[in-house]
Amino acid sequence: MASLAWLLIPLLAAVGAGLWALLAHRNRESGKTGDISELNGYAAFRKAMEKTHSPTDAV
């Protein structure tokens, strides 16, 4: 019976890894991560950095 318990540990770990992989893959397809959102954020950063400010704005 003890050997059966030791065999269940890797089985449960494999099932957990499979569920984690499914969730990670689902988040990637939703568009919440990846190059497009990062490039949009970088474009917004560049636009903000390119704004010119007069010396009176720095008060």
N, C-alpha and C. Protein backbone atom coordinates (compact mmCIF):
# COMPACT_ATOMS: atom_id res chain seq x y z
N MET A 1 0.82 -1.19 0.00
CA MET A 1 0.00 0.00 0.00
C MET A 1 0.86 1.26 0.00
N ALA A 2 1.99 1.22 0.68
CA ALA A 2 2.89 2.37 0.74
C ALA A 2 3.47 2.66 -0.64
N SER A 3 3.73 1.60 -1.41
CA SER A 3 4.28 1.82 -2.75
C SER A 3 3.24 2.51 -3.66
N LEU A 4 1.99 2.21 -3.44
CA LEU A 4 0.93 2.86 -4.21
C LEU A 4 0.88 4.36 -3.89
N ALA A 5 1.06 4.71 -2.64
CA ALA A 5 1.08 6.12 -2.26
C ALA A 5 2.26 6.83 -2.92
N TRP A 6 3.42 6.19 -3.00
CA TRP A 6 4.59 6.80 -3.64
C TRP A 6 4.38 6.94 -5.14
N LEU A 7 3.57 6.09 -5.74
CA LEU A 7 3.29 6.22 -7.17
C LEU A 7 2.27 7.33 -7.45
N LEU A 8 1.43 7.64 -6.47
CA LEU A 8 0.44 8.69 -6.65
C LEU A 8 1.06 10.09 -6.62
N ILE A 9 2.17 10.25 -5.93
CA ILE A 9 2.80 11.57 -5.83
C ILE A 9 3.22 12.09 -7.21
N PRO A 10 3.95 11.34 -8.03
CA PRO A 10 4.28 11.86 -9.36
C PRO A 10 3.06 12.02 -10.27
N LEU A 11 2.08 11.16 -10.08
CA LEU A 11 0.86 11.28 -10.87
C LEU A 11 0.13 12.58 -10.56
N LEU A 12 0.00 12.92 -9.29
CA LEU A 12 -0.64 14.17 -8.90
C LEU A 12 0.19 15.38 -9.37
N ALA A 13 1.50 15.26 -9.33
CA ALA A 13 2.36 16.34 -9.81
C ALA A 13 2.18 16.54 -11.31
N ALA A 14 2.05 15.47 -12.06
CA ALA A 14 1.85 15.58 -13.50
C ALA A 14 0.50 16.20 -13.82
N VAL A 15 -0.52 15.84 -13.08
CA VAL A 15 -1.85 16.43 -13.29
C VAL A 15 -1.81 17.92 -12.96
N GLY A 16 -1.15 18.28 -11.87
CA GLY A 16 -1.02 19.69 -11.51
C GLY A 16 -0.25 20.48 -12.56
N ALA A 17 0.81 19.90 -13.10
CA ALA A 17 1.58 20.56 -14.15
C ALA A 17 0.75 20.74 -15.41
N GLY A 18 -0.06 19.77 -15.73
CA GLY A 18 -0.92 19.88 -16.90
C GLY A 18 -1.95 20.99 -16.75
N LEU A 19 -2.54 21.10 -15.55
CA LEU A 19 -3.51 22.17 -15.30
C LEU A 19 -2.84 23.54 -15.37
N TRP A 20 -1.64 23.65 -14.81
CA TRP A 20 -0.90 24.91 -14.86
C TRP A 20 -0.59 25.28 -16.31
N ALA A 21 -0.20 24.31 -17.12
CA ALA A 21 0.12 24.58 -18.53
C ALA A 21 -1.13 25.05 -19.28
N LEU A 22 -2.27 24.46 -19.00
CA LEU A 22 -3.51 24.91 -19.65
C LEU A 22 -3.85 26.35 -19.28
N LEU A 23 -3.71 26.69 -18.01
CA LEU A 23 -4.00 28.06 -17.58
C LEU A 23 -3.00 29.05 -18.17
N ALA A 24 -1.74 28.69 -18.21
CA ALA A 24 -0.72 29.58 -18.77
C ALA A 24 -0.95 29.79 -20.25
N HIS A 25 -1.34 28.76 -20.95
CA HIS A 25 -1.59 28.88 -22.39
C HIS A 25 -2.84 29.71 -22.66
N ARG A 26 -3.85 29.58 -21.82
CA ARG A 26 -5.09 30.35 -21.99
C ARG A 26 -4.82 31.84 -21.83
N ASN A 27 -4.01 32.22 -20.84
CA ASN A 27 -3.69 33.63 -20.62
C ASN A 27 -2.89 34.20 -21.79
N ARG A 28 -2.06 33.41 -22.41
CA ARG A 28 -1.26 33.90 -23.52
C ARG A 28 -2.14 34.16 -24.74
N GLU A 29 -3.14 33.34 -24.98
CA GLU A 29 -4.01 33.51 -26.14
C GLU A 29 -4.99 34.65 -25.96
N SER A 30 -5.24 35.07 -24.72
CA SER A 30 -6.22 36.12 -24.50
C SER A 30 -5.70 37.49 -24.88
N GLY A 31 -4.42 37.63 -25.14
CA GLY A 31 -3.85 38.90 -25.53
C GLY A 31 -3.40 39.75 -24.36
N LYS A 32 -3.47 39.22 -23.15
CA LYS A 32 -3.05 39.98 -21.98
C LYS A 32 -1.53 40.04 -21.86
N THR A 33 -0.86 39.14 -22.51
CA THR A 33 0.59 39.14 -22.47
C THR A 33 1.11 39.09 -23.89
N GLY A 34 2.37 39.33 -24.05
CA GLY A 34 2.96 39.18 -25.36
C GLY A 34 3.49 40.48 -25.93
N ASP A 35 3.94 40.39 -27.16
CA ASP A 35 4.63 41.50 -27.80
C ASP A 35 3.72 42.69 -28.07
N ILE A 36 2.48 42.47 -28.43
CA ILE A 36 1.61 43.57 -28.82
C ILE A 36 1.37 44.50 -27.64
N SER A 37 1.03 43.97 -26.50
CA SER A 37 0.77 44.82 -25.34
C SER A 37 2.05 45.50 -24.88
N GLU A 38 3.18 44.81 -24.97
CA GLU A 38 4.45 45.42 -24.58
C GLU A 38 4.83 46.54 -25.54
N LEU A 39 4.61 46.35 -26.82
CA LEU A 39 4.93 47.40 -27.79
C LEU A 39 4.00 48.60 -27.62
N ASN A 40 2.74 48.38 -27.30
CA ASN A 40 1.83 49.49 -27.05
C ASN A 40 2.26 50.28 -25.82
N GLY A 41 2.69 49.59 -24.80
CA GLY A 41 3.18 50.28 -23.60
C GLY A 41 4.44 51.07 -23.88
N TYR A 42 5.33 50.51 -24.67
CA TYR A 42 6.56 51.22 -25.03
C TYR A 42 6.25 52.44 -25.88
N ALA A 43 5.28 52.34 -26.78
CA ALA A 43 4.90 53.49 -27.61
C ALA A 43 4.33 54.61 -26.74
N ALA A 44 3.52 54.26 -25.75
CA ALA A 44 2.98 55.26 -24.85
C ALA A 44 4.09 55.91 -24.03
N PHE A 45 5.07 55.13 -23.62
CA PHE A 45 6.21 55.66 -22.88
C PHE A 45 7.01 56.64 -23.74
N ARG A 46 7.27 56.27 -24.98
CA ARG A 46 8.02 57.15 -25.88
C ARG A 46 7.27 58.44 -26.14
N LYS A 47 5.95 58.35 -26.31
CA LYS A 47 5.14 59.54 -26.55
C LYS A 47 5.21 60.48 -25.35
N ALA A 48 5.15 59.92 -24.16
CA ALA A 48 5.23 60.74 -22.95
C ALA A 48 6.61 61.37 -22.81
N MET A 49 7.66 60.66 -23.17
CA MET A 49 9.01 61.19 -23.04
C MET A 49 9.32 62.24 -24.09
N GLU A 50 8.63 62.21 -25.22
CA GLU A 50 8.91 63.16 -26.30
C GLU A 50 8.20 64.49 -26.09
N LYS A 51 7.30 64.59 -25.14
CA LYS A 51 6.61 65.85 -24.89
C LYS A 51 7.62 66.87 -24.38
N THR A 52 7.50 68.09 -24.89
CA THR A 52 8.39 69.16 -24.42
C THR A 52 7.69 69.93 -23.32
N HIS A 53 8.46 70.32 -22.33
CA HIS A 53 7.93 71.06 -21.20
C HIS A 53 8.68 72.36 -21.05
N SER A 54 7.97 73.40 -20.72
CA SER A 54 8.64 74.67 -20.46
C SER A 54 9.18 74.67 -19.04
N PRO A 55 10.14 75.54 -18.73
CA PRO A 55 10.71 75.56 -17.37
C PRO A 55 9.68 75.86 -16.29
N THR A 56 8.59 76.53 -16.62
CA THR A 56 7.58 76.82 -15.60
C THR A 56 6.74 75.59 -15.26
N ASP A 57 6.77 74.57 -16.11
CA ASP A 57 6.01 73.34 -15.84
C ASP A 57 6.65 72.51 -14.73
N ALA A 58 7.92 72.74 -14.45
CA ALA A 58 8.65 71.91 -13.50
C ALA A 58 8.53 72.41 -12.07
N VAL A 59 7.50 73.15 -11.76
CA VAL A 59 7.36 73.71 -10.41
C VAL A 59 6.76 72.70 -9.48
